[in-house]
Structures are given as structure tokens and as C-alpha cells.
Amino acid sequence: MESVAERNDAFAERFAAADANDDGVPDRNLEALYDELFEVAPDGASEVIDRDDGKYTAAQITISVQGGASGDAVTEAMRDVADEVDGEG
């Protein structure tokens, strides 16, 4: 979405508006933002977001970890991420 926002001013405005806490990550009105992403960049959107009959079913999330991090620390951090994603929709 960031790369699309860099190339499309209208999408950039909606991308920024969907970021409630100014951390650079959209966290509200995601369905509408995804809809617009599929309108302006359908090929790129379909590479990372799956939808079936207009319903969003999955999204690819890439997370980086430090090379020296222990397996337990990574597992705990990924569980925290999963809890956040599963949280309130």
C-alpha cells in the first residue's frame, strides 16, 4: 500500500486518513482502503490480499526479526502479533 500511495495521490490521502494514530500503518476503514487498493493496483493488491466474492479472507504479512533473537523470543513476539491481528477484526 505504501508503494501505491507513493504513486497515487488520491490513494495516499485515503491511506493517511486510515491511520488513526499517525504511526504510518492504516488501522481504520481497512475494508474501504483495500477496496480502493484493488481499484488502483489490482495486480499488486492480489499478490498480498486474498478476497473471495468481495470478502477479504487473508493478507500476507511480512515481519522481520533480528538475527540474534532467540527462538522463544521470536515465538512470543509472533504470538503477540497474531493476537493483535485476531483481536478486534
PDB file of N, CA and C in Angstrom:
ATOM      1  N   MET A   1       0.820  -1.183   0.000  1.00  0.00           N
ATOM      2  CA  MET A   1       0.000   0.000   0.000  1.00  0.00           C
ATOM      3  C   MET A   1       0.865   1.247   0.000  1.00  0.00           C
ATOM      4  N   GLU A   2       2.004   1.194   0.690  1.00  0.00           N
ATOM      5  CA  GLU A   2       2.881   2.359   0.713  1.00  0.00           C
ATOM      6  C   GLU A   2       3.380   2.709  -0.687  1.00  0.00           C
ATOM      7  N   SER A   3       3.757   1.693  -1.465  1.00  0.00           N
ATOM      8  CA  SER A   3       4.272   1.984  -2.802  1.00  0.00           C
ATOM      9  C   SER A   3       3.177   2.531  -3.711  1.00  0.00           C
ATOM     10  N   VAL A   4       1.958   2.054  -3.550  1.00  0.00           N
ATOM     11  CA  VAL A   4       0.838   2.595  -4.325  1.00  0.00           C
ATOM     12  C   VAL A   4       0.578   4.038  -3.901  1.00  0.00           C
ATOM     13  N   ALA A   5       0.635   4.309  -2.608  1.00  0.00           N
ATOM     14  CA  ALA A   5       0.421   5.665  -2.102  1.00  0.00           C
ATOM     15  C   ALA A   5       1.474   6.634  -2.641  1.00  0.00           C
ATOM     16  N   GLU A   6       2.689   6.145  -2.867  1.00  0.00           N
ATOM     17  CA  GLU A   6       3.744   6.993  -3.409  1.00  0.00           C
ATOM     18  C   GLU A   6       3.455   7.403  -4.858  1.00  0.00           C
ATOM     19  N   ARG A   7       2.683   6.576  -5.570  1.00  0.00           N
ATOM     20  CA  ARG A   7       2.407   6.835  -6.989  1.00  0.00           C
ATOM     21  C   ARG A   7       1.017   7.408  -7.252  1.00  0.00           C
ATOM     22  N   ASN A   8       0.140   7.373  -6.252  1.00  0.00           N
ATOM     23  CA  ASN A   8      -1.248   7.764  -6.478  1.00  0.00           C
ATOM     24  C   ASN A   8      -1.687   8.690  -5.344  1.00  0.00           C
ATOM     25  N   ASP A   9      -1.855   9.959  -5.652  1.00  0.00           N
ATOM     26  CA  ASP A   9      -2.174  10.961  -4.632  1.00  0.00           C
ATOM     27  C   ASP A   9      -3.510  10.699  -3.943  1.00  0.00           C
ATOM     28  N   ALA A  10      -4.520  10.303  -4.698  1.00  0.00           N
ATOM     29  CA  ALA A  10      -5.840  10.047  -4.100  1.00  0.00           C
ATOM     30  C   ALA A  10      -5.757   8.881  -3.120  1.00  0.00           C
ATOM     31  N   PHE A  11      -5.044   7.819  -3.509  1.00  0.00           N
ATOM     32  CA  PHE A  11      -4.882   6.687  -2.597  1.00  0.00           C
ATOM     33  C   PHE A  11      -4.048   7.102  -1.386  1.00  0.00           C
ATOM     34  N   ALA A  12      -3.051   7.929  -1.603  1.00  0.00           N
ATOM     35  CA  ALA A  12      -2.202   8.398  -0.500  1.00  0.00           C
ATOM     36  C   ALA A  12      -3.028   9.134   0.554  1.00  0.00           C
ATOM     37  N   GLU A  13      -3.993   9.931   0.118  1.00  0.00           N
ATOM     38  CA  GLU A  13      -4.851  10.647   1.066  1.00  0.00           C
ATOM     39  C   GLU A  13      -5.681   9.676   1.892  1.00  0.00           C
ATOM     40  N   ARG A  14      -6.241   8.671   1.254  1.00  0.00           N
ATOM     41  CA  ARG A  14      -7.062   7.689   1.976  1.00  0.00           C
ATOM     42  C   ARG A  14      -6.198   6.811   2.873  1.00  0.00           C
ATOM     43  N   PHE A  15      -4.993   6.495   2.405  1.00  0.00           N
ATOM     44  CA  PHE A  15      -4.042   5.720   3.197  1.00  0.00           C
ATOM     45  C   PHE A  15      -3.714   6.471   4.490  1.00  0.00           C
ATOM     46  N   ALA A  16      -3.420   7.754   4.372  1.00  0.00           N
ATOM     47  CA  ALA A  16      -3.109   8.578   5.544  1.00  0.00           C
ATOM     48  C   ALA A  16      -4.320   8.728   6.456  1.00  0.00           C
ATOM     49  N   ALA A  17      -5.494   8.891   5.878  1.00  0.00           N
ATOM     50  CA  ALA A  17      -6.714   9.061   6.675  1.00  0.00           C
ATOM     51  C   ALA A  17      -7.060   7.798   7.455  1.00  0.00           C
ATOM     52  N   ALA A  18      -6.623   6.642   6.963  1.00  0.00           N
ATOM     53  CA  ALA A  18      -6.916   5.376   7.641  1.00  0.00           C
ATOM     54  C   ALA A  18      -5.965   5.106   8.799  1.00  0.00           C
ATOM     55  N   ASP A  19      -4.990   5.981   9.003  1.00  0.00           N
ATOM     56  CA  ASP A  19      -4.005   5.840  10.087  1.00  0.00           C
ATOM     57  C   ASP A  19      -4.440   6.698  11.267  1.00  0.00           C
ATOM     58  N   ALA A  20      -5.107   6.074  12.227  1.00  0.00           N
ATOM     59  CA  ALA A  20      -5.688   6.815  13.353  1.00  0.00           C
ATOM     60  C   ALA A  20      -4.646   7.369  14.315  1.00  0.00           C
ATOM     61  N   ASN A  21      -3.493   6.727  14.441  1.00  0.00           N
ATOM     62  CA  ASN A  21      -2.529   7.167  15.450  1.00  0.00           C
ATOM     63  C   ASN A  21      -1.208   7.668  14.853  1.00  0.00           C
ATOM     64  N   ASP A  22      -1.207   7.961  13.565  1.00  0.00           N
ATOM     65  CA  ASP A  22      -0.049   8.540  12.869  1.00  0.00           C
ATOM     66  C   ASP A  22       1.235   7.724  12.999  1.00  0.00           C
ATOM     67  N   ASP A  23       1.086   6.389  13.002  1.00  0.00           N
ATOM     68  CA  ASP A  23       2.287   5.551  13.042  1.00  0.00           C
ATOM     69  C   ASP A  23       2.658   5.012  11.661  1.00  0.00           C
ATOM     70  N   GLY A  24       1.944   5.475  10.624  1.00  0.00           N
ATOM     71  CA  GLY A  24       2.238   5.050   9.270  1.00  0.00           C
ATOM     72  C   GLY A  24       1.563   3.759   8.858  1.00  0.00           C
ATOM     73  N   VAL A  25       0.742   3.205   9.751  1.00  0.00           N
ATOM     74  CA  VAL A  25       0.052   1.944   9.479  1.00  0.00           C
ATOM     75  C   VAL A  25      -1.453   2.174   9.550  1.00  0.00           C
ATOM     76  N   PRO A  26      -2.167   1.944   8.469  1.00  0.00           N
ATOM     77  CA  PRO A  26      -3.624   2.117   8.494  1.00  0.00           C
ATOM     78  C   PRO A  26      -4.262   1.190   9.525  1.00  0.00           C
ATOM     79  N   ASP A  27      -5.167   1.730  10.318  1.00  0.00           N
ATOM     80  CA  ASP A  27      -5.799   0.915  11.355  1.00  0.00           C
ATOM     81  C   ASP A  27      -7.297   1.188  11.491  1.00  0.00           C
ATOM     82  N   ARG A  28      -7.879   1.845  10.503  1.00  0.00           N
ATOM     83  CA  ARG A  28      -9.329   2.029  10.476  1.00  0.00           C
ATOM     84  C   ARG A  28      -9.775   2.084   9.013  1.00  0.00           C
ATOM     85  N   ASN A  29     -11.034   1.743   8.800  1.00  0.00           N
ATOM     86  CA  ASN A  29     -11.605   1.739   7.453  1.00  0.00           C
ATOM     87  C   ASN A  29     -10.791   0.886   6.479  1.00  0.00           C
ATOM     88  N   LEU A  30     -10.266  -0.237   6.982  1.00  0.00           N
ATOM     89  CA  LEU A  30      -9.395  -1.059   6.154  1.00  0.00           C
ATOM     90  C   LEU A  30     -10.116  -1.669   4.956  1.00  0.00           C
ATOM     91  N   GLU A  31     -11.346  -2.094   5.137  1.00  0.00           N
ATOM     92  CA  GLU A  31     -12.053  -2.708   4.017  1.00  0.00           C
ATOM     93  C   GLU A  31     -12.191  -1.717   2.865  1.00  0.00           C
ATOM     94  N   ALA A  32     -12.540  -0.482   3.165  1.00  0.00           N
ATOM     95  CA  ALA A  32     -12.659   0.539   2.120  1.00  0.00           C
ATOM     96  C   ALA A  32     -11.293   0.827   1.492  1.00  0.00           C
ATOM     97  N   LEU A  33     -10.251   0.827   2.305  1.00  0.00           N
ATOM     98  CA  LEU A  33      -8.904   1.059   1.784  1.00  0.00           C
ATOM     99  C   LEU A  33      -8.479  -0.095   0.882  1.00  0.00           C
ATOM    100  N   TYR A  34      -8.755  -1.324   1.300  1.00  0.00           N
ATOM    101  CA  TYR A  34      -8.450  -2.484   0.458  1.00  0.00           C
ATOM    102  C   TYR A  34      -9.240  -2.414  -0.849  1.00  0.00           C
ATOM    103  N   ASP A  35     -10.518  -2.027  -0.772  1.00  0.00           N
ATOM    104  CA  ASP A  35     -11.335  -1.888  -1.984  1.00  0.00           C
ATOM    105  C   ASP A  35     -10.667  -0.930  -2.963  1.00  0.00           C
ATOM    106  N   GLU A  36     -10.228   0.205  -2.454  1.00  0.00           N
ATOM    107  CA  GLU A  36      -9.592   1.185  -3.334  1.00  0.00           C
ATOM    108  C   GLU A  36      -8.259   0.679  -3.859  1.00  0.00           C
ATOM    109  N   LEU A  37      -7.516  -0.029  -3.020  1.00  0.00           N
ATOM    110  CA  LEU A  37      -6.248  -0.602  -3.471  1.00  0.00           C
ATOM    111  C   LEU A  37      -6.477  -1.532  -4.657  1.00  0.00           C
ATOM    112  N   PHE A  38      -7.524  -2.358  -4.575  1.00  0.00           N
ATOM    113  CA  PHE A  38      -7.836  -3.248  -5.691  1.00  0.00           C
ATOM    114  C   PHE A  38      -8.283  -2.473  -6.929  1.00  0.00           C
ATOM    115  N   GLU A  39      -8.850  -1.288  -6.751  1.00  0.00           N
ATOM    116  CA  GLU A  39      -9.248  -0.471  -7.899  1.00  0.00           C
ATOM    117  C   GLU A  39      -8.042   0.143  -8.596  1.00  0.00           C
ATOM    118  N   VAL A  40      -7.089   0.656  -7.812  1.00  0.00           N
ATOM    119  CA  VAL A  40      -5.970   1.393  -8.405  1.00  0.00           C
ATOM    120  C   VAL A  40      -4.759   0.514  -8.713  1.00  0.00           C
ATOM    121  N   ALA A  41      -4.626  -0.621  -8.045  1.00  0.00           N
ATOM    122  CA  ALA A  41      -3.482  -1.508  -8.282  1.00  0.00           C
ATOM    123  C   ALA A  41      -3.905  -2.963  -8.097  1.00  0.00           C
ATOM    124  N   PRO A  42      -4.783  -3.464  -8.965  1.00  0.00           N
ATOM    125  CA  PRO A  42      -5.338  -4.807  -8.774  1.00  0.00           C
ATOM    126  C   PRO A  42      -4.292  -5.922  -8.775  1.00  0.00           C
ATOM    127  N   ASP A  43      -3.290  -5.822  -9.632  1.00  0.00           N
ATOM    128  CA  ASP A  43      -2.289  -6.886  -9.682  1.00  0.00           C
ATOM    129  C   ASP A  43      -1.466  -6.937  -8.395  1.00  0.00           C
ATOM    130  N   GLY A  44      -1.008  -5.791  -7.950  1.00  0.00           N
ATOM    131  CA  GLY A  44      -0.230  -5.745  -6.707  1.00  0.00           C
ATOM    132  C   GLY A  44      -1.058  -6.138  -5.502  1.00  0.00           C
ATOM    133  N   ALA A  45      -2.291  -5.661  -5.444  1.00  0.00           N
ATOM    134  CA  ALA A  45      -3.165  -5.983  -4.315  1.00  0.00           C
ATOM    135  C   ALA A  45      -3.410  -7.478  -4.227  1.00  0.00           C
ATOM    136  N   SER A  46      -3.649  -8.109  -5.365  1.00  0.00           N
ATOM    137  CA  SER A  46      -3.962  -9.540  -5.346  1.00  0.00           C
ATOM    138  C   SER A  46      -2.760 -10.404  -4.991  1.00  0.00           C
ATOM    139  N   GLU A  47      -1.556  -9.834  -5.029  1.00  0.00           N
ATOM    140  CA  GLU A  47      -0.363 -10.572  -4.610  1.00  0.00           C
ATOM    141  C   GLU A  47      -0.261 -10.702  -3.093  1.00  0.00           C
ATOM    142  N   VAL A  48      -0.915  -9.791  -2.353  1.00  0.00           N
ATOM    143  CA  VAL A  48      -0.760  -9.800  -0.890  1.00  0.00           C
ATOM    144  C   VAL A  48      -2.075  -9.881  -0.121  1.00  0.00           C
ATOM    145  N   ILE A  49      -3.191  -9.685  -0.810  1.00  0.00           N
ATOM    146  CA  ILE A  49      -4.503  -9.751  -0.160  1.00  0.00           C
ATOM    147  C   ILE A  49      -5.384 -10.691  -0.956  1.00  0.00           C
ATOM    148  N   ASP A  50      -6.019 -11.619  -0.263  1.00  0.00           N
ATOM    149  CA  ASP A  50      -6.906 -12.565  -0.926  1.00  0.00           C
ATOM    150  C   ASP A  50      -8.344 -12.182  -0.623  1.00  0.00           C
ATOM    151  N   ARG A  51      -9.167 -12.215  -1.657  1.00  0.00           N
ATOM    152  CA  ARG A  51     -10.585 -11.966  -1.435  1.00  0.00           C
ATOM    153  C   ARG A  51     -11.396 -12.959  -2.256  1.00  0.00           C
ATOM    154  N   ASP A  52     -12.526 -13.301  -1.705  1.00  0.00           N
ATOM    155  CA  ASP A  52     -13.418 -14.274  -2.334  1.00  0.00           C
ATOM    156  C   ASP A  52     -14.817 -13.686  -2.315  1.00  0.00           C
ATOM    157  N   ASP A  53     -15.382 -13.475  -3.497  1.00  0.00           N
ATOM    158  CA  ASP A  53     -16.712 -12.868  -3.621  1.00  0.00           C
ATOM    159  C   ASP A  53     -16.811 -11.537  -2.869  1.00  0.00           C
ATOM    160  N   GLY A  54     -15.752 -10.728  -2.967  1.00  0.00           N
ATOM    161  CA  GLY A  54     -15.757  -9.416  -2.345  1.00  0.00           C
ATOM    162  C   GLY A  54     -15.425  -9.396  -0.862  1.00  0.00           C
ATOM    163  N   LYS A  55     -15.241 -10.558  -0.248  1.00  0.00           N
ATOM    164  CA  LYS A  55     -14.874 -10.617   1.175  1.00  0.00           C
ATOM    165  C   LYS A  55     -13.382 -10.894   1.293  1.00  0.00           C
ATOM    166  N   TYR A  56     -12.744 -10.166   2.174  1.00  0.00           N
ATOM    167  CA  TYR A  56     -11.307 -10.344   2.376  1.00  0.00           C
ATOM    168  C   TYR A  56     -11.084 -11.530   3.301  1.00  0.00           C
ATOM    169  N   THR A  57     -10.278 -12.480   2.819  1.00  0.00           N
ATOM    170  CA  THR A  57     -10.102 -13.732   3.546  1.00  0.00           C
ATOM    171  C   THR A  57      -8.706 -13.917   4.120  1.00  0.00           C
ATOM    172  N   ALA A  58      -7.704 -13.239   3.552  1.00  0.00           N
ATOM    173  CA  ALA A  58      -6.332 -13.405   4.037  1.00  0.00           C
ATOM    174  C   ALA A  58      -5.473 -12.254   3.551  1.00  0.00           C
ATOM    175  N   ALA A  59      -4.415 -11.993   4.305  1.00  0.00           N
ATOM    176  CA  ALA A  59      -3.435 -10.988   3.904  1.00  0.00           C
ATOM    177  C   ALA A  59      -2.051 -11.497   4.250  1.00  0.00           C
ATOM    178  N   GLN A  60      -1.119 -11.232   3.367  1.00  0.00           N
ATOM    179  CA  GLN A  60       0.266 -11.603   3.630  1.00  0.00           C
ATOM    180  C   GLN A  60       0.877 -10.531   4.513  1.00  0.00           C
ATOM    181  N   ILE A  61       1.481 -10.955   5.591  1.00  0.00           N
ATOM    182  CA  ILE A  61       2.152 -10.031   6.495  1.00  0.00           C
ATOM    183  C   ILE A  61       3.602 -10.470   6.602  1.00  0.00           C
ATOM    184  N   THR A  62       4.518  -9.568   6.331  1.00  0.00           N
ATOM    185  CA  THR A  62       5.939  -9.872   6.419  1.00  0.00           C
ATOM    186  C   THR A  62       6.496  -9.195   7.660  1.00  0.00           C
ATOM    187  N   ILE A  63       7.162  -9.990   8.473  1.00  0.00           N
ATOM    188  CA  ILE A  63       7.704  -9.481   9.728  1.00  0.00           C
ATOM    189  C   ILE A  63       9.187  -9.816   9.787  1.00  0.00           C
ATOM    190  N   SER A  64       9.996  -8.832  10.090  1.00  0.00           N
ATOM    191  CA  SER A  64      11.436  -9.038  10.209  1.00  0.00           C
ATOM    192  C   SER A  64      11.802  -9.255  11.668  1.00  0.00           C
ATOM    193  N   VAL A  65      12.772 -10.115  11.881  1.00  0.00           N
ATOM    194  CA  VAL A  65      13.281 -10.340  13.238  1.00  0.00           C
ATOM    195  C   VAL A  65      14.792 -10.164  13.222  1.00  0.00           C
ATOM    196  N   GLN A  66      15.337  -9.836  14.372  1.00  0.00           N
ATOM    197  CA  GLN A  66      16.778  -9.677  14.480  1.00  0.00           C
ATOM    198  C   GLN A  66      17.442 -11.046  14.406  1.00  0.00           C
ATOM    199  N   GLY A  67      18.549 -11.118  13.710  1.00  0.00           N
ATOM    200  CA  GLY A  67      19.248 -12.375  13.511  1.00  0.00           C
ATOM    201  C   GLY A  67      19.644 -13.071  14.796  1.00  0.00           C
ATOM    202  N   GLY A  68      19.952 -12.324  15.831  1.00  0.00           N
ATOM    203  CA  GLY A  68      20.387 -12.919  17.092  1.00  0.00           C
ATOM    204  C   GLY A  68      19.257 -13.222  18.055  1.00  0.00           C
ATOM    205  N   ALA A  69      18.026 -12.993  17.650  1.00  0.00           N
ATOM    206  CA  ALA A  69      16.886 -13.218  18.544  1.00  0.00           C
ATOM    207  C   ALA A  69      16.719 -14.712  18.810  1.00  0.00           C
ATOM    208  N   SER A  70      16.377 -15.034  20.036  1.00  0.00           N
ATOM    209  CA  SER A  70      16.171 -16.446  20.379  1.00  0.00           C
ATOM    210  C   SER A  70      14.853 -16.943  19.789  1.00  0.00           C
ATOM    211  N   GLY A  71      14.761 -18.243  19.595  1.00  0.00           N
ATOM    212  CA  GLY A  71      13.528 -18.835  19.085  1.00  0.00           C
ATOM    213  C   GLY A  71      12.346 -18.536  19.976  1.00  0.00           C
ATOM    214  N   ASP A  72      12.573 -18.592  21.294  1.00  0.00           N
ATOM    215  CA  ASP A  72      11.487 -18.299  22.235  1.00  0.00           C
ATOM    216  C   ASP A  72      11.014 -16.854  22.115  1.00  0.00           C
ATOM    217  N   ALA A  73      11.948 -15.927  21.961  1.00  0.00           N
ATOM    218  CA  ALA A  73      11.584 -14.507  21.837  1.00  0.00           C
ATOM    219  C   ALA A  73      10.797 -14.266  20.554  1.00  0.00           C
ATOM    220  N   VAL A  74      11.215 -14.911  19.468  1.00  0.00           N
ATOM    221  CA  VAL A  74      10.515 -14.758  18.194  1.00  0.00           C
ATOM    222  C   VAL A  74       9.110 -15.350  18.302  1.00  0.00           C
ATOM    223  N   THR A  75       9.011 -16.526  18.905  1.00  0.00           N
ATOM    224  CA  THR A  75       7.705 -17.168  19.067  1.00  0.00           C
ATOM    225  C   THR A  75       6.774 -16.288  19.879  1.00  0.00           C
ATOM    226  N   GLU A  76       7.256 -15.739  20.971  1.00  0.00           N
ATOM    227  CA  GLU A  76       6.431 -14.866  21.815  1.00  0.00           C
ATOM    228  C   GLU A  76       5.995 -13.619  21.052  1.00  0.00           C
ATOM    229  N   ALA A  77       6.920 -13.024  20.326  1.00  0.00           N
ATOM    230  CA  ALA A  77       6.584 -11.825  19.553  1.00  0.00           C
ATOM    231  C   ALA A  77       5.557 -12.136  18.475  1.00  0.00           C
ATOM    232  N   MET A  78       5.687 -13.282  17.805  1.00  0.00           N
ATOM    233  CA  MET A  78       4.739 -13.646  16.756  1.00  0.00           C
ATOM    234  C   MET A  78       3.362 -13.958  17.346  1.00  0.00           C
ATOM    235  N   ARG A  79       3.322 -14.505  18.529  1.00  0.00           N
ATOM    236  CA  ARG A  79       2.027 -14.724  19.186  1.00  0.00           C
ATOM    237  C   ARG A  79       1.366 -13.392  19.514  1.00  0.00           C
ATOM    238  N   ASP A  80       2.174 -12.413  19.929  1.00  0.00           N
ATOM    239  CA  ASP A  80       1.630 -11.071  20.195  1.00  0.00           C
ATOM    240  C   ASP A  80       1.058 -10.467  18.912  1.00  0.00           C
ATOM    241  N   VAL A  81       1.770 -10.633  17.808  1.00  0.00           N
ATOM    242  CA  VAL A  81       1.290 -10.126  16.521  1.00  0.00           C
ATOM    243  C   VAL A  81      -0.019 -10.821  16.151  1.00  0.00           C
ATOM    244  N   ALA A  82      -0.043 -12.144  16.283  1.00  0.00           N
ATOM    245  CA  ALA A  82      -1.258 -12.908  15.942  1.00  0.00           C
ATOM    246  C   ALA A  82      -2.430 -12.475  16.807  1.00  0.00           C
ATOM    247  N   ASP A  83      -2.195 -12.245  18.090  1.00  0.00           N
ATOM    248  CA  ASP A  83      -3.265 -11.776  18.971  1.00  0.00           C
ATOM    249  C   ASP A  83      -3.799 -10.432  18.519  1.00  0.00           C
ATOM    250  N   GLU A  84      -2.903  -9.557  18.108  1.00  0.00           N
ATOM    251  CA  GLU A  84      -3.321  -8.227  17.644  1.00  0.00           C
ATOM    252  C   GLU A  84      -4.139  -8.332  16.360  1.00  0.00           C
ATOM    253  N   VAL A  85      -3.683  -9.155  15.440  1.00  0.00           N
ATOM    254  CA  VAL A  85      -4.382  -9.317  14.167  1.00  0.00           C
ATOM    255  C   VAL A  85      -5.747  -9.958  14.388  1.00  0.00           C
ATOM    256  N   ASP A  86      -5.817 -10.949  15.256  1.00  0.00           N
ATOM    257  CA  ASP A  86      -7.086 -11.629  15.528  1.00  0.00           C
ATOM    258  C   ASP A  86      -8.004 -10.807  16.411  1.00  0.00           C
ATOM    259  N   GLY A  87      -7.460  -9.825  17.086  1.00  0.00           N
ATOM    260  CA  GLY A  87      -8.187  -9.021  18.076  1.00  0.00           C
ATOM    261  C   GLY A  87      -9.555  -8.551  17.700  1.00  0.00           C
ATOM    262  N   GLU A  88      -9.693  -7.320  17.340  1.00  0.00           N
ATOM    263  CA  GLU A  88     -11.000  -6.691  17.129  1.00  0.00           C
ATOM    264  C   GLU A  88     -11.376  -6.608  15.659  1.00  0.00           C
ATOM    265  N   GLY A  89     -10.946  -7.570  14.888  1.00  0.00           N
ATOM    266  CA  GLY A  89     -11.306  -7.591  13.468  1.00  0.00           C
ATOM    267  C   GLY A  89     -10.346  -6.857  12.600  1.00  0.00           C
TER     268      GLY A  89
END
